[in-house]
C-alpha cells in the first residue's frame, strides 16, 4: 500500500504544480497583481480558458509609465 502511494504522489504533485503554474510564474516574476492571478487560477483554473487567461496574464510584461515632472526655473 505504501509503495503504491509512493508512486502516485509524483503524479498528483505534478498535476498540482501544473494547475498552479500561472500562480508560480506570477510569484517568480514578482507581478504587481499576483493575488488576482492566484484567485483567477484558483476559481477558474479548472476551465481551460480560465487557466490560459491566468497564464497569459502571468507571462505578460507589466507596463510601467514614467511621468516627468515639469522643471521649474
N, C-alpha and C. Protein backbone atom coordinates (compact mmCIF):
# COMPACT_ATOMS: atom_id res chain seq x y z
N UNK A 1 0.82 -1.20 0.00
CA UNK A 1 0.00 0.00 0.00
C UNK A 1 0.86 1.26 0.00
N UNK A 2 1.94 1.26 0.79
CA UNK A 2 2.80 2.44 0.85
C UNK A 2 3.58 2.63 -0.45
N UNK A 3 3.93 1.54 -1.10
CA UNK A 3 4.65 1.64 -2.36
C UNK A 3 3.74 2.25 -3.44
N UNK A 4 2.48 1.89 -3.41
CA UNK A 4 1.51 2.44 -4.36
C UNK A 4 1.39 3.95 -4.18
N UNK A 5 1.30 4.41 -2.94
CA UNK A 5 1.25 5.84 -2.66
C UNK A 5 2.54 6.55 -3.03
N UNK A 6 3.65 5.85 -2.89
CA UNK A 6 4.95 6.44 -3.25
C UNK A 6 5.03 6.73 -4.73
N UNK A 7 4.45 5.87 -5.55
CA UNK A 7 4.48 6.08 -7.00
C UNK A 7 3.39 7.03 -7.47
N UNK A 8 2.29 7.13 -6.75
CA UNK A 8 1.21 8.02 -7.17
C UNK A 8 1.44 9.46 -6.75
N UNK A 9 2.22 9.69 -5.72
CA UNK A 9 2.44 11.05 -5.24
C UNK A 9 3.06 11.96 -6.30
N UNK A 10 4.08 11.52 -7.05
CA UNK A 10 4.62 12.42 -8.09
C UNK A 10 3.61 12.76 -9.17
N UNK A 11 2.70 11.85 -9.47
CA UNK A 11 1.70 12.13 -10.49
C UNK A 11 0.75 13.23 -10.02
N UNK A 12 0.26 13.10 -8.79
CA UNK A 12 -0.64 14.12 -8.26
C UNK A 12 0.12 15.42 -7.96
N UNK A 13 1.35 15.31 -7.52
CA UNK A 13 2.15 16.50 -7.24
C UNK A 13 2.44 17.29 -8.50
N UNK A 14 2.73 16.60 -9.59
CA UNK A 14 2.99 17.31 -10.84
C UNK A 14 1.71 17.91 -11.39
N UNK A 15 0.57 17.27 -11.18
CA UNK A 15 -0.71 17.85 -11.58
C UNK A 15 -1.02 19.11 -10.80
N UNK A 16 -0.71 19.10 -9.51
CA UNK A 16 -0.90 20.27 -8.67
C UNK A 16 -0.02 21.42 -9.13
N UNK A 17 1.24 21.13 -9.46
CA UNK A 17 2.16 22.17 -9.95
C UNK A 17 1.72 22.69 -11.31
N UNK A 18 1.23 21.81 -12.17
CA UNK A 18 0.77 22.23 -13.48
C UNK A 18 -0.47 23.11 -13.36
N UNK A 19 -1.37 22.76 -12.44
CA UNK A 19 -2.59 23.55 -12.25
C UNK A 19 -2.26 24.96 -11.78
N UNK A 20 -1.31 25.09 -10.87
CA UNK A 20 -0.94 26.40 -10.33
C UNK A 20 0.28 27.00 -11.02
N UNK A 21 0.58 26.57 -12.21
CA UNK A 21 1.71 27.13 -12.96
C UNK A 21 1.59 28.63 -13.18
N UNK A 22 0.41 29.18 -13.54
CA UNK A 22 0.32 30.65 -13.68
C UNK A 22 0.63 31.39 -12.38
N UNK A 23 0.20 30.86 -11.25
CA UNK A 23 0.49 31.49 -9.96
C UNK A 23 1.98 31.43 -9.66
N UNK A 24 2.60 30.30 -9.95
CA UNK A 24 4.03 30.15 -9.70
C UNK A 24 4.83 31.13 -10.57
N UNK A 25 4.43 31.26 -11.83
CA UNK A 25 5.11 32.20 -12.72
C UNK A 25 4.95 33.63 -12.22
N UNK A 26 3.74 33.98 -11.75
CA UNK A 26 3.50 35.33 -11.23
C UNK A 26 4.34 35.60 -9.98
N UNK A 27 4.51 34.60 -9.14
CA UNK A 27 5.33 34.78 -7.94
C UNK A 27 6.80 34.94 -8.30
N UNK A 28 7.28 34.14 -9.25
CA UNK A 28 8.69 34.22 -9.64
C UNK A 28 8.99 35.55 -10.32
N UNK A 29 8.07 36.02 -11.14
CA UNK A 29 8.28 37.29 -11.86
C UNK A 29 7.92 38.50 -11.02
N UNK A 30 7.47 38.28 -9.78
CA UNK A 30 7.11 39.34 -8.83
C UNK A 30 6.12 40.32 -9.45
N UNK A 31 5.02 39.77 -9.96
CA UNK A 31 3.98 40.58 -10.58
C UNK A 31 3.27 41.42 -9.52
N UNK A 32 2.83 42.59 -9.94
CA UNK A 32 2.13 43.50 -9.04
C UNK A 32 0.78 42.91 -8.61
N UNK A 33 0.09 42.23 -9.52
CA UNK A 33 -1.24 41.70 -9.25
C UNK A 33 -1.24 40.17 -9.12
N UNK A 34 -0.27 39.64 -8.36
CA UNK A 34 -0.17 38.20 -8.21
C UNK A 34 -1.34 37.61 -7.43
N UNK A 35 -1.95 38.37 -6.52
CA UNK A 35 -3.11 37.86 -5.80
C UNK A 35 -4.30 37.67 -6.75
N UNK A 36 -4.49 38.60 -7.66
CA UNK A 36 -5.58 38.47 -8.64
C UNK A 36 -5.35 37.29 -9.56
N UNK A 37 -4.11 37.07 -9.95
CA UNK A 37 -3.79 35.93 -10.80
C UNK A 37 -4.04 34.63 -10.04
N UNK A 38 -3.68 34.60 -8.76
CA UNK A 38 -3.95 33.41 -7.95
C UNK A 38 -5.44 33.14 -7.83
N UNK A 39 -6.22 34.18 -7.57
CA UNK A 39 -7.67 33.99 -7.42
C UNK A 39 -8.32 33.52 -8.72
N UNK A 40 -7.89 34.09 -9.83
CA UNK A 40 -8.41 33.63 -11.12
C UNK A 40 -8.02 32.19 -11.37
N UNK A 41 -6.78 31.85 -11.06
CA UNK A 41 -6.31 30.49 -11.25
C UNK A 41 -7.03 29.51 -10.32
N UNK A 42 -7.27 29.93 -9.08
CA UNK A 42 -7.91 29.05 -8.11
C UNK A 42 -9.37 28.78 -8.45
N UNK A 43 -10.11 29.83 -8.83
CA UNK A 43 -11.54 29.67 -9.05
C UNK A 43 -11.89 29.27 -10.49
N UNK A 44 -11.13 29.72 -11.48
CA UNK A 44 -11.47 29.43 -12.87
C UNK A 44 -10.39 28.62 -13.58
N UNK A 45 -9.39 28.16 -12.87
CA UNK A 45 -8.33 27.38 -13.49
C UNK A 45 -8.78 26.02 -13.96
N UNK A 46 -9.87 25.51 -13.43
CA UNK A 46 -10.38 24.20 -13.85
C UNK A 46 -10.87 24.24 -15.30
N UNK A 47 -11.31 25.41 -15.74
CA UNK A 47 -11.68 25.54 -17.15
C UNK A 47 -10.42 25.88 -17.93
N UNK A 48 -10.32 25.39 -19.10
CA UNK A 48 -9.11 25.60 -19.90
C UNK A 48 -8.93 27.09 -20.21
N UNK A 49 -10.02 27.77 -20.48
CA UNK A 49 -9.94 29.19 -20.82
C UNK A 49 -9.45 30.01 -19.64
N UNK A 50 -9.96 29.74 -18.43
CA UNK A 50 -9.50 30.46 -17.24
C UNK A 50 -8.04 30.23 -16.96
N UNK A 51 -7.56 28.99 -17.18
CA UNK A 51 -6.16 28.68 -16.95
C UNK A 51 -5.28 29.40 -17.95
N UNK A 52 -5.70 29.44 -19.21
CA UNK A 52 -4.92 30.11 -20.25
C UNK A 52 -4.88 31.62 -20.00
N UNK A 53 -6.01 32.20 -19.60
CA UNK A 53 -6.04 33.64 -19.30
C UNK A 53 -5.09 33.96 -18.14
N UNK A 54 -5.10 33.13 -17.10
CA UNK A 54 -4.20 33.35 -15.97
C UNK A 54 -2.75 33.19 -16.38
N UNK A 55 -2.47 32.24 -17.27
CA UNK A 55 -1.10 32.03 -17.73
C UNK A 55 -0.61 33.21 -18.57
N UNK A 56 -1.45 33.70 -19.47
CA UNK A 56 -1.06 34.85 -20.29
C UNK A 56 -0.87 36.09 -19.42
N UNK A 57 -1.76 36.27 -18.45
CA UNK A 57 -1.66 37.41 -17.54
C UNK A 57 -0.37 37.35 -16.73
N UNK A 58 0.01 36.15 -16.31
CA UNK A 58 1.23 35.99 -15.52
C UNK A 58 2.48 36.20 -16.36
N UNK A 59 2.40 35.89 -17.66
CA UNK A 59 3.58 35.98 -18.52
C UNK A 59 3.76 37.35 -19.16
N UNK A 60 2.73 38.14 -19.23
CA UNK A 60 2.88 39.43 -19.92
C UNK A 60 3.64 40.41 -19.04
N UNK A 61 4.29 41.34 -19.71
CA UNK A 61 5.09 42.35 -19.01
C UNK A 61 4.19 43.41 -18.42
N UNK A 62 4.55 43.87 -17.25
CA UNK A 62 3.84 44.99 -16.64
C UNK A 62 4.23 46.26 -17.36
N UNK A 63 3.25 47.09 -17.63
CA UNK A 63 3.53 48.36 -18.28
C UNK A 63 3.82 49.38 -17.19
N UNK A 64 4.97 49.97 -17.30
CA UNK A 64 5.39 50.99 -16.33
C UNK A 64 5.39 52.32 -17.06
N UNK A 65 4.69 53.28 -16.49
CA UNK A 65 4.62 54.61 -17.09
C UNK A 65 5.38 55.57 -16.19
N UNK A 66 6.35 56.23 -16.79
CA UNK A 66 7.12 57.23 -16.05
C UNK A 66 6.59 58.61 -16.41
N UNK A 67 6.30 59.38 -15.41
CA UNK A 67 5.81 60.74 -15.61
C UNK A 67 6.89 61.70 -15.17
N UNK A 68 7.30 62.54 -16.07
CA UNK A 68 8.34 63.50 -15.75
C UNK A 68 7.68 64.78 -15.28
N UNK A 69 8.08 65.21 -14.12
CA UNK A 69 7.51 66.44 -13.58
C UNK A 69 8.13 67.63 -14.32
N UNK A 70 7.37 68.66 -14.52
CA UNK A 70 7.89 69.84 -15.22
C UNK A 70 8.97 70.51 -14.37
N UNK A 71 10.00 70.93 -15.04
CA UNK A 71 11.09 71.60 -14.33
C UNK A 71 10.75 73.06 -14.13
N UNK A 72 11.06 73.55 -12.97
CA UNK A 72 10.79 74.95 -12.64
C UNK A 72 12.10 75.71 -12.68
N UNK A 73 12.09 76.83 -13.31
CA UNK A 73 13.30 77.64 -13.44
C UNK A 73 13.29 78.81 -12.50
